[in-house]
C-alpha cells in the first residue's frame, strides 16, 4: 500500500467502478454530494486500487487509449491522486480484452 500523506484527510466515500473499453470517469455524485453536504465535502485526494485487469489512466483531462495513451497500471497497483481538479479530470480505460474494476476511496 502506498504511504498516504498526512494531509490527505479523512476518508468519506468509497465506490467500485467497472472500467471497460469506453473511457470511465469517477462518479461526481459520489465525490460532490448535493444538498447541505455539498458545502462541507470536496475531495482533496483519492486512493484508487486496480483489481484483476490492467488499465490506462490520465488525470489532466486527456482521454486515455488502450495500449497507447496514458499511464499504465497493472492489476494490484494503487494510484494516489491529490487535488480536486486532478480527481475531477481522472479518466480510465481497460488495457486489454477484459473489463477491469477499480476501488476508489475519497478523502476530504
N, C-alpha and C. Protein backbone atom coordinates (compact mmCIF):
# COMPACT_ATOMS: atom_id res chain seq x y z
N UNK A 1 0.84 -1.18 0.00
CA UNK A 1 0.00 0.00 0.00
C UNK A 1 0.88 1.24 0.00
N UNK A 2 0.52 2.25 -0.82
CA UNK A 2 1.35 3.45 -0.82
C UNK A 2 1.22 4.19 0.51
N UNK A 3 2.23 4.94 0.82
CA UNK A 3 2.18 5.78 2.02
C UNK A 3 1.28 6.96 1.72
N UNK A 4 0.18 7.08 2.46
CA UNK A 4 -0.72 8.21 2.25
C UNK A 4 -0.20 9.42 3.01
N UNK A 5 -0.09 10.54 2.32
CA UNK A 5 0.35 11.74 3.03
C UNK A 5 -0.63 12.10 4.14
N UNK A 6 -0.13 12.66 5.21
CA UNK A 6 -0.99 13.01 6.34
C UNK A 6 -2.03 14.05 5.96
N UNK A 7 -1.74 14.88 4.99
CA UNK A 7 -2.68 15.94 4.62
C UNK A 7 -3.85 15.44 3.80
N UNK A 8 -3.91 14.16 3.48
CA UNK A 8 -4.99 13.68 2.62
C UNK A 8 -6.34 13.73 3.33
N UNK A 9 -6.37 13.80 4.65
CA UNK A 9 -7.62 13.97 5.38
C UNK A 9 -8.31 12.66 5.69
N UNK A 10 -9.58 12.76 6.06
CA UNK A 10 -10.37 11.60 6.45
C UNK A 10 -11.13 11.04 5.26
N UNK A 11 -11.21 9.72 5.18
CA UNK A 11 -11.98 9.08 4.13
C UNK A 11 -13.46 9.37 4.36
N UNK A 12 -14.21 9.68 3.29
CA UNK A 12 -15.63 9.95 3.45
C UNK A 12 -16.51 9.19 2.47
N UNK A 13 -15.94 8.58 1.44
CA UNK A 13 -16.76 7.82 0.49
C UNK A 13 -15.91 6.79 -0.22
N UNK A 14 -16.57 5.75 -0.73
CA UNK A 14 -15.90 4.70 -1.48
C UNK A 14 -16.83 4.24 -2.60
N UNK A 15 -16.25 3.82 -3.70
CA UNK A 15 -17.03 3.22 -4.78
C UNK A 15 -16.16 2.23 -5.54
N UNK A 16 -16.81 1.28 -6.19
CA UNK A 16 -16.13 0.35 -7.08
C UNK A 16 -16.70 0.56 -8.46
N UNK A 17 -15.82 0.76 -9.44
CA UNK A 17 -16.24 1.05 -10.81
C UNK A 17 -15.70 0.02 -11.78
N UNK A 18 -16.50 -0.33 -12.79
CA UNK A 18 -16.05 -1.18 -13.87
C UNK A 18 -15.41 -0.31 -14.94
N UNK A 19 -14.22 -0.69 -15.37
CA UNK A 19 -13.51 0.04 -16.41
C UNK A 19 -13.52 -0.83 -17.65
N UNK A 20 -14.18 -0.34 -18.69
CA UNK A 20 -14.39 -1.13 -19.90
C UNK A 20 -13.64 -0.49 -21.07
N UNK A 21 -14.15 -0.73 -22.29
CA UNK A 21 -13.48 -0.21 -23.49
C UNK A 21 -13.95 1.21 -23.85
N UNK A 22 -14.76 1.82 -23.01
CA UNK A 22 -15.12 3.24 -23.15
C UNK A 22 -14.52 3.98 -21.95
N UNK A 23 -14.11 5.20 -22.17
CA UNK A 23 -13.48 5.98 -21.10
C UNK A 23 -14.42 6.10 -19.90
N UNK A 24 -13.88 5.85 -18.72
CA UNK A 24 -14.63 5.90 -17.47
C UNK A 24 -14.09 7.04 -16.61
N UNK A 25 -15.00 7.79 -15.98
CA UNK A 25 -14.62 8.86 -15.05
C UNK A 25 -15.13 8.49 -13.66
N UNK A 26 -14.63 9.16 -12.64
CA UNK A 26 -15.11 8.94 -11.29
C UNK A 26 -16.51 9.55 -11.16
N UNK A 27 -17.32 9.02 -10.27
CA UNK A 27 -18.72 9.41 -10.15
C UNK A 27 -18.87 10.72 -9.38
N UNK A 28 -19.25 11.77 -10.09
CA UNK A 28 -19.38 13.10 -9.48
C UNK A 28 -20.37 13.09 -8.32
N UNK A 29 -21.45 12.33 -8.43
CA UNK A 29 -22.44 12.28 -7.35
C UNK A 29 -21.85 11.70 -6.07
N UNK A 30 -20.79 10.91 -6.19
CA UNK A 30 -20.14 10.34 -5.01
C UNK A 30 -19.19 11.35 -4.37
N UNK A 31 -18.40 12.04 -5.20
CA UNK A 31 -17.43 12.97 -4.62
C UNK A 31 -17.92 14.41 -4.52
N UNK A 32 -19.07 14.72 -5.09
CA UNK A 32 -19.67 16.05 -4.99
C UNK A 32 -21.14 15.92 -4.61
N UNK A 33 -21.43 15.51 -3.38
CA UNK A 33 -22.84 15.34 -3.00
C UNK A 33 -23.59 16.66 -3.07
N UNK A 34 -24.88 16.58 -3.32
CA UNK A 34 -25.71 17.78 -3.37
C UNK A 34 -26.35 18.03 -2.01
N UNK A 35 -26.98 19.16 -1.87
CA UNK A 35 -27.64 19.48 -0.61
C UNK A 35 -26.68 20.10 0.39
N UNK A 36 -27.01 19.96 1.66
CA UNK A 36 -26.21 20.57 2.73
C UNK A 36 -24.77 20.10 2.73
N UNK A 37 -24.55 18.83 2.43
CA UNK A 37 -23.18 18.30 2.46
C UNK A 37 -22.31 18.87 1.36
N UNK A 38 -22.91 19.40 0.30
CA UNK A 38 -22.11 19.87 -0.83
C UNK A 38 -21.12 20.96 -0.44
N UNK A 39 -21.43 21.75 0.57
CA UNK A 39 -20.52 22.80 1.02
C UNK A 39 -19.45 22.26 1.95
N UNK A 40 -19.68 21.10 2.53
CA UNK A 40 -18.76 20.54 3.51
C UNK A 40 -17.80 19.52 2.91
N UNK A 41 -18.20 18.89 1.82
CA UNK A 41 -17.41 17.78 1.29
C UNK A 41 -16.90 18.11 -0.12
N UNK A 42 -15.61 18.17 -0.25
CA UNK A 42 -14.96 18.30 -1.54
C UNK A 42 -13.69 17.48 -1.42
N UNK A 43 -13.49 16.50 -2.28
CA UNK A 43 -12.33 15.63 -2.10
C UNK A 43 -11.01 16.35 -2.30
N UNK A 44 -10.07 16.01 -1.45
CA UNK A 44 -8.71 16.54 -1.57
C UNK A 44 -7.79 15.51 -2.21
N UNK A 45 -8.19 14.23 -2.08
CA UNK A 45 -7.35 13.15 -2.60
C UNK A 45 -8.19 11.90 -2.79
N UNK A 46 -7.71 10.98 -3.62
CA UNK A 46 -8.33 9.67 -3.78
C UNK A 46 -7.24 8.61 -3.83
N UNK A 47 -7.59 7.44 -3.34
CA UNK A 47 -6.76 6.25 -3.47
C UNK A 47 -7.53 5.30 -4.36
N UNK A 48 -6.90 4.89 -5.47
CA UNK A 48 -7.54 4.01 -6.45
C UNK A 48 -6.73 2.72 -6.50
N UNK A 49 -7.41 1.60 -6.34
CA UNK A 49 -6.78 0.28 -6.44
C UNK A 49 -7.30 -0.41 -7.69
N UNK A 50 -6.38 -0.90 -8.52
CA UNK A 50 -6.75 -1.60 -9.76
C UNK A 50 -6.93 -3.08 -9.44
N UNK A 51 -8.11 -3.61 -9.77
CA UNK A 51 -8.42 -5.02 -9.50
C UNK A 51 -8.39 -5.85 -10.78
N UNK A 52 -7.75 -6.98 -10.74
CA UNK A 52 -7.83 -8.07 -11.72
C UNK A 52 -7.25 -7.81 -13.11
N UNK A 53 -7.52 -6.68 -13.74
CA UNK A 53 -7.05 -6.41 -15.10
C UNK A 53 -6.40 -5.03 -15.15
N UNK A 54 -5.44 -4.83 -16.07
CA UNK A 54 -4.76 -3.53 -16.16
C UNK A 54 -5.63 -2.43 -16.78
N UNK A 55 -5.26 -1.19 -16.48
CA UNK A 55 -5.93 -0.03 -17.05
C UNK A 55 -4.88 0.97 -17.56
N UNK A 56 -5.34 1.93 -18.34
CA UNK A 56 -4.59 3.14 -18.69
C UNK A 56 -5.38 4.29 -18.07
N UNK A 57 -4.69 5.31 -17.57
CA UNK A 57 -5.40 6.43 -16.94
C UNK A 57 -4.66 7.74 -17.16
N UNK A 58 -5.44 8.81 -17.08
CA UNK A 58 -4.91 10.17 -17.11
C UNK A 58 -5.64 10.97 -16.03
N UNK A 59 -5.07 12.09 -15.64
CA UNK A 59 -5.79 12.97 -14.73
C UNK A 59 -5.58 14.43 -15.11
N UNK A 60 -5.35 14.65 -16.41
CA UNK A 60 -5.26 16.01 -16.92
C UNK A 60 -6.38 16.32 -17.90
N UNK A 61 -7.36 15.41 -18.01
CA UNK A 61 -8.49 15.63 -18.90
C UNK A 61 -8.36 14.95 -20.25
N UNK A 62 -7.16 14.47 -20.59
CA UNK A 62 -6.94 13.76 -21.84
C UNK A 62 -7.59 12.38 -21.77
N UNK A 63 -8.20 11.94 -22.86
CA UNK A 63 -8.76 10.59 -22.89
C UNK A 63 -7.65 9.56 -23.05
N UNK A 64 -7.58 8.58 -22.15
CA UNK A 64 -6.61 7.51 -22.32
C UNK A 64 -7.05 6.58 -23.45
N UNK A 65 -6.07 5.94 -24.09
CA UNK A 65 -6.35 4.99 -25.16
C UNK A 65 -5.61 3.70 -24.82
N UNK A 66 -6.32 2.58 -24.86
CA UNK A 66 -5.72 1.29 -24.52
C UNK A 66 -4.45 1.07 -25.35
N UNK A 67 -3.41 0.64 -24.69
CA UNK A 67 -2.12 0.27 -25.27
C UNK A 67 -1.30 1.44 -25.79
N UNK A 68 -1.81 2.68 -25.74
CA UNK A 68 -1.01 3.78 -26.31
C UNK A 68 -0.92 5.03 -25.46
N UNK A 69 -2.02 5.49 -24.86
CA UNK A 69 -2.05 6.81 -24.23
C UNK A 69 -2.44 6.71 -22.76
N UNK A 70 -1.69 7.39 -21.94
CA UNK A 70 -1.98 7.42 -20.51
C UNK A 70 -1.00 6.56 -19.73
N UNK A 71 -1.09 6.67 -18.43
CA UNK A 71 -0.25 5.87 -17.54
C UNK A 71 -0.80 4.45 -17.50
N UNK A 72 0.08 3.47 -17.46
CA UNK A 72 -0.30 2.06 -17.37
C UNK A 72 -0.31 1.65 -15.90
N UNK A 73 -1.36 0.95 -15.49
CA UNK A 73 -1.43 0.42 -14.13
C UNK A 73 -1.88 -1.04 -14.20
N UNK A 74 -1.02 -1.91 -13.74
CA UNK A 74 -1.33 -3.34 -13.73
C UNK A 74 -2.27 -3.66 -12.57
N UNK A 75 -2.87 -4.82 -12.61
CA UNK A 75 -3.72 -5.28 -11.50
C UNK A 75 -2.90 -5.26 -10.22
N UNK A 76 -3.49 -4.77 -9.15
CA UNK A 76 -2.82 -4.69 -7.86
C UNK A 76 -2.15 -3.36 -7.58
N UNK A 77 -2.01 -2.52 -8.60
CA UNK A 77 -1.37 -1.22 -8.41
C UNK A 77 -2.33 -0.27 -7.70
N UNK A 78 -1.77 0.55 -6.83
CA UNK A 78 -2.55 1.59 -6.15
C UNK A 78 -2.09 2.95 -6.65
N UNK A 79 -3.06 3.78 -6.98
CA UNK A 79 -2.80 5.11 -7.53
C UNK A 79 -3.31 6.14 -6.54
N UNK A 80 -2.46 7.10 -6.15
CA UNK A 80 -2.87 8.17 -5.26
C UNK A 80 -2.96 9.45 -6.08
N UNK A 81 -4.13 10.05 -6.10
CA UNK A 81 -4.34 11.29 -6.84
C UNK A 81 -4.66 12.39 -5.84
N UNK A 82 -3.90 13.46 -5.88
CA UNK A 82 -4.08 14.58 -4.97
C UNK A 82 -4.59 15.79 -5.74
N UNK A 83 -5.50 16.53 -5.14
CA UNK A 83 -6.01 17.75 -5.75
C UNK A 83 -7.36 17.55 -6.41
N UNK A 84 -8.29 18.45 -6.09
CA UNK A 84 -9.65 18.34 -6.59
C UNK A 84 -9.71 18.30 -8.12
N UNK A 85 -8.98 19.17 -8.80
CA UNK A 85 -9.04 19.21 -10.27
C UNK A 85 -8.52 17.91 -10.89
N UNK A 86 -7.47 17.33 -10.32
CA UNK A 86 -6.95 16.05 -10.82
C UNK A 86 -7.98 14.94 -10.63
N UNK A 87 -8.70 14.97 -9.51
CA UNK A 87 -9.75 13.97 -9.25
C UNK A 87 -10.87 14.12 -10.28
N UNK A 88 -11.29 15.35 -10.48
CA UNK A 88 -12.37 15.63 -11.43
C UNK A 88 -11.98 15.22 -12.86
N UNK A 89 -10.71 15.36 -13.20
CA UNK A 89 -10.24 15.05 -14.56
C UNK A 89 -9.81 13.60 -14.76
N UNK A 90 -9.82 12.78 -13.70
CA UNK A 90 -9.36 11.39 -13.81
C UNK A 90 -10.21 10.62 -14.82
N UNK A 91 -9.53 9.93 -15.74
CA UNK A 91 -10.20 9.10 -16.74
C UNK A 91 -9.42 7.79 -16.87
N UNK A 92 -10.14 6.71 -17.10
CA UNK A 92 -9.51 5.40 -17.22
C UNK A 92 -10.16 4.59 -18.34
N UNK A 93 -9.41 3.64 -18.88
CA UNK A 93 -9.91 2.70 -19.87
C UNK A 93 -9.17 1.38 -19.64
N UNK A 94 -9.82 0.27 -19.93
CA UNK A 94 -9.14 -1.02 -19.75
C UNK A 94 -8.00 -1.13 -20.76
N UNK A 95 -6.98 -1.87 -20.39
CA UNK A 95 -5.83 -2.08 -21.27
C UNK A 95 -5.73 -3.58 -21.56
N UNK A 96 -6.65 -4.06 -22.36
CA UNK A 96 -6.71 -5.48 -22.70
C UNK A 96 -8.13 -5.82 -23.10
N UNK A 97 -8.38 -7.10 -23.30
CA UNK A 97 -9.67 -7.55 -23.80
C UNK A 97 -10.71 -7.81 -22.74
N UNK A 98 -10.36 -7.67 -21.47
CA UNK A 98 -11.28 -7.97 -20.38
C UNK A 98 -11.48 -6.73 -19.52
N UNK A 99 -12.72 -6.49 -19.10
CA UNK A 99 -13.01 -5.35 -18.22
C UNK A 99 -12.21 -5.43 -16.93
N UNK A 100 -11.85 -4.27 -16.44
CA UNK A 100 -11.15 -4.15 -15.16
C UNK A 100 -12.14 -3.53 -14.17
N UNK A 101 -11.75 -3.52 -12.92
CA UNK A 101 -12.52 -2.75 -11.94
C UNK A 101 -11.52 -2.02 -11.05
N UNK A 102 -12.00 -0.91 -10.50
CA UNK A 102 -11.16 -0.13 -9.60
C UNK A 102 -11.95 0.17 -8.33
N UNK A 103 -11.25 0.17 -7.21
CA UNK A 103 -11.83 0.60 -5.95
C UNK A 103 -11.32 2.00 -5.67
N UNK A 104 -12.21 2.91 -5.31
CA UNK A 104 -11.86 4.31 -5.12
C UNK A 104 -12.28 4.76 -3.72
N UNK A 105 -11.36 5.28 -2.95
CA UNK A 105 -11.66 5.88 -1.65
C UNK A 105 -11.37 7.37 -1.75
N UNK A 106 -12.36 8.17 -1.33
CA UNK A 106 -12.26 9.63 -1.37
C UNK A 106 -11.91 10.17 0.00
N UNK A 107 -11.00 11.17 0.03
CA UNK A 107 -10.56 11.80 1.27
C UNK A 107 -10.90 13.29 1.24
N UNK A 108 -11.37 13.82 2.40
CA UNK A 108 -11.67 15.26 2.47
C UNK A 108 -10.67 15.98 3.34
